[in-house]
Protein backbone atom coordinates (compact mmCIF):
# COMPACT_ATOMS: atom_id res chain seq x y z
CA MET A 1 140.60 -77.08 53.28
CA SER A 2 144.17 -77.05 52.28
CA ASN A 3 146.94 -75.39 53.55
CA SER A 4 147.21 -72.81 50.98
CA GLU A 5 143.45 -71.58 51.58
CA GLN A 6 142.90 -68.75 54.05
CA VAL A 7 140.07 -67.74 55.95
CA LEU A 8 138.61 -64.76 55.42
CA VAL A 9 138.06 -63.21 58.83
CA ILE A 10 136.83 -59.75 57.93
CA ASP A 11 134.83 -58.75 54.80
CA ALA A 12 133.78 -55.08 54.63
CA GLN A 13 131.71 -54.29 51.29
CA GLY A 14 130.67 -51.05 50.37
CA ILE A 15 130.98 -49.54 53.73
CA SER A 16 130.16 -45.55 54.04
CA LYS A 17 129.57 -43.83 57.12
CA SER A 18 127.96 -40.10 57.40
CA TYR A 19 126.65 -37.98 60.47
CA ASP A 20 123.60 -35.98 59.69
CA GLU A 21 122.43 -32.87 61.93
CA ALA A 22 119.70 -31.11 60.80
CA GLU A 23 120.24 -29.88 57.58
CA ASN A 24 124.12 -30.92 57.44
CA SER A 25 125.46 -34.29 56.64
CA LEU A 26 129.21 -35.01 57.54
CA SER A 27 130.65 -37.89 55.08
CA ILE A 28 133.49 -39.52 56.85
CA PHE A 29 134.09 -42.10 54.00
CA GLN A 30 132.12 -43.84 51.13
CA ASP A 31 132.02 -47.18 49.44
CA LEU A 32 134.98 -48.70 51.04
CA ASN A 33 135.82 -52.31 50.59
CA PHE A 34 138.32 -54.35 52.80
CA GLN A 35 139.14 -57.88 53.60
CA LEU A 36 141.27 -59.42 56.10
CA GLN A 37 142.54 -63.33 55.84
CA GLU A 38 143.34 -65.08 58.94
CA GLY A 39 146.91 -64.52 59.94
CA GLU A 40 147.41 -61.14 57.86
CA SER A 41 148.47 -58.01 59.44
CA VAL A 42 147.43 -54.48 58.48
CA SER A 43 147.85 -50.96 59.50
CA VAL A 44 145.13 -48.56 59.10
CA LEU A 45 146.91 -44.72 58.44
CA GLY A 46 145.75 -41.47 57.79
CA SER A 47 145.53 -37.92 59.26
CA SER A 48 143.80 -36.67 62.36
CA GLY A 49 140.11 -36.70 61.71
CA SER A 50 140.39 -38.99 58.67
CA GLY A 51 137.78 -41.68 59.81
CA LYS A 52 140.37 -44.11 60.93
CA THR A 53 138.49 -44.73 64.48
CA THR A 54 135.10 -44.74 63.01
CA LEU A 55 136.33 -47.34 60.11
CA LEU A 56 137.67 -49.83 63.05
CA ASN A 57 134.65 -49.26 65.36
CA ILE A 58 132.23 -50.43 62.48
CA ILE A 59 134.65 -53.19 61.60
CA GLY A 60 134.70 -54.08 65.15
CA GLY A 61 130.92 -54.05 65.45
CA LEU A 62 131.08 -51.17 68.10
CA ASP A 63 129.39 -48.74 65.22
CA LYS A 64 127.23 -49.26 62.56
CA ALA A 65 128.16 -48.24 58.89
CA SER A 66 125.20 -45.99 57.02
CA SER A 67 125.47 -48.39 54.35
CA GLY A 68 127.37 -51.36 52.96
CA GLU A 69 127.93 -54.85 54.93
CA VAL A 70 130.45 -55.92 57.43
CA SER A 71 130.83 -59.50 58.09
CA LEU A 72 133.28 -61.16 60.95
CA CYS A 73 134.00 -64.78 60.30
CA GLY A 74 130.89 -64.89 58.23
CA ALA A 75 128.44 -63.30 60.57
CA ASN A 76 126.86 -60.16 59.04
CA LEU A 77 127.35 -57.54 61.96
CA ALA A 78 124.22 -55.72 60.85
CA ALA A 79 122.16 -58.68 61.77
CA CYS A 80 123.77 -59.69 65.00
CA SER A 81 122.22 -58.92 68.44
CA GLU A 82 124.15 -57.20 71.02
CA LYS A 83 124.95 -60.72 72.65
CA LYS A 84 126.17 -62.19 69.56
CA LEU A 85 128.26 -59.08 68.73
CA THR A 86 129.76 -59.08 72.02
CA LYS A 87 130.66 -63.09 71.66
CA LEU A 88 132.12 -62.63 68.34
CA ARG A 89 134.19 -59.58 69.71
CA ASN A 90 135.39 -61.80 72.53
CA GLN A 91 136.50 -64.76 70.59
CA HIS A 92 137.95 -63.28 67.26
CA LEU A 93 139.23 -59.75 67.92
CA GLY A 94 141.49 -57.66 69.94
CA PHE A 95 141.81 -54.00 70.42
CA VAL A 96 144.54 -51.99 71.59
CA TYR A 97 143.58 -48.44 72.16
CA GLN A 98 145.54 -45.07 72.06
CA PHE A 99 144.85 -45.43 75.83
CA HIS A 100 145.22 -48.94 77.07
CA HIS A 101 141.73 -49.19 79.47
CA LEU A 102 143.56 -51.79 81.52
CA LEU A 103 141.55 -52.27 84.85
CA ALA A 104 143.45 -50.61 87.68
CA GLU A 105 142.01 -53.26 90.29
CA PHE A 106 143.80 -56.33 88.47
CA THR A 107 147.30 -57.39 87.72
CA ALA A 108 149.08 -57.57 84.49
CA VAL A 109 148.21 -61.05 83.89
CA GLU A 110 144.90 -60.68 84.96
CA ASN A 111 144.32 -57.99 82.79
CA VAL A 112 145.85 -59.86 79.94
CA ALA A 113 143.59 -63.23 80.85
CA MET A 114 140.40 -61.22 81.43
CA PRO A 115 138.97 -62.02 78.01
CA LEU A 116 139.72 -65.91 78.61
CA TYR A 117 138.25 -65.43 81.91
CA ILE A 118 135.18 -64.24 80.52
CA ALA A 119 134.91 -66.95 77.56
CA GLY A 120 134.67 -69.48 80.31
CA ILE A 121 138.62 -70.53 80.54
CA SER A 122 139.73 -72.10 83.87
CA ARG A 123 141.62 -69.61 85.59
CA LYS A 124 144.78 -71.61 85.62
CA LYS A 125 144.61 -72.28 81.91
CA ALA A 126 143.95 -68.53 81.27
CA ASP A 127 146.56 -67.44 83.36
CA LEU A 128 149.52 -69.46 81.91
CA LYS A 129 148.59 -68.16 78.64
CA ALA A 130 148.90 -64.58 79.75
CA GLN A 131 151.95 -65.13 81.26
CA LYS A 132 153.26 -66.81 78.13
CA LEU A 133 152.10 -63.59 76.14
CA LEU A 134 153.59 -61.19 78.96
CA GLY A 135 156.96 -62.71 78.36
CA MET A 136 156.67 -62.60 74.69
CA VAL A 137 156.25 -58.56 75.05
CA GLY A 138 159.23 -58.26 77.28
CA LEU A 139 157.24 -58.36 80.64
CA SER A 140 157.65 -61.87 82.46
CA ASP A 141 159.01 -59.88 85.53
CA ARG A 142 156.12 -57.53 85.72
CA VAL A 143 152.73 -60.19 85.97
CA LYS A 144 151.99 -59.34 89.20
CA HIS A 145 151.89 -55.47 88.99
CA LYS A 146 149.09 -53.54 88.74
CA PRO A 147 148.52 -50.76 86.03
CA SER A 148 149.63 -48.05 88.45
CA GLU A 149 152.87 -49.63 88.98
CA LEU A 150 153.71 -49.62 85.23
CA SER A 151 155.01 -47.28 82.89
CA GLY A 152 153.18 -46.29 79.82
CA GLY A 153 155.08 -48.29 77.43
CA GLU A 154 154.34 -51.40 79.76
CA ARG A 155 150.74 -50.76 80.02
CA GLN A 156 150.60 -50.65 76.22
CA ARG A 157 152.59 -54.15 75.98
CA VAL A 158 150.27 -55.37 78.56
CA ALA A 159 147.19 -54.00 76.25
CA ILE A 160 148.79 -56.00 73.13
CA ALA A 161 149.31 -59.02 75.01
CA ARG A 162 145.43 -58.99 75.86
CA ALA A 163 144.39 -58.15 72.39
CA LEU A 164 146.04 -61.53 71.19
CA VAL A 165 145.46 -63.70 73.97
CA ASN A 166 142.30 -65.16 72.17
CA ASP A 167 144.69 -65.96 69.31
């Protein structure tokens, strides 16, 4: 593969999502197509209730589309077992939620390194990478602090570092 070729990380084709309750059907979005190449960054914008979180949950394999197909690194998410989905998310996705979801009993460096620990990376190597990322988000002096000892903005930066830890 040449340097100019990019790897397709996310490929969503014709995805739709609706919720059916009794005789009512609520369509969230229809026939949406989306691709993301390795190294690209995107933002999903829309008004409250427009389906942003639903879309991201489908792309991340946390929810299923009503129709269409989503692939992550070539794997069709609908065909994956929960174990395979978990592994794909751990290796290829990072999530930063509106609420940071940090683990209260762990330090900033441990929260950032957690995906690496789960992947079987040595604690020393994982902690070094986490410390580097925390430095990149301006928290090199807060690595040993627990979430309760950090401001809201600092917690969000820890969550961003955690989302980036698997590259």
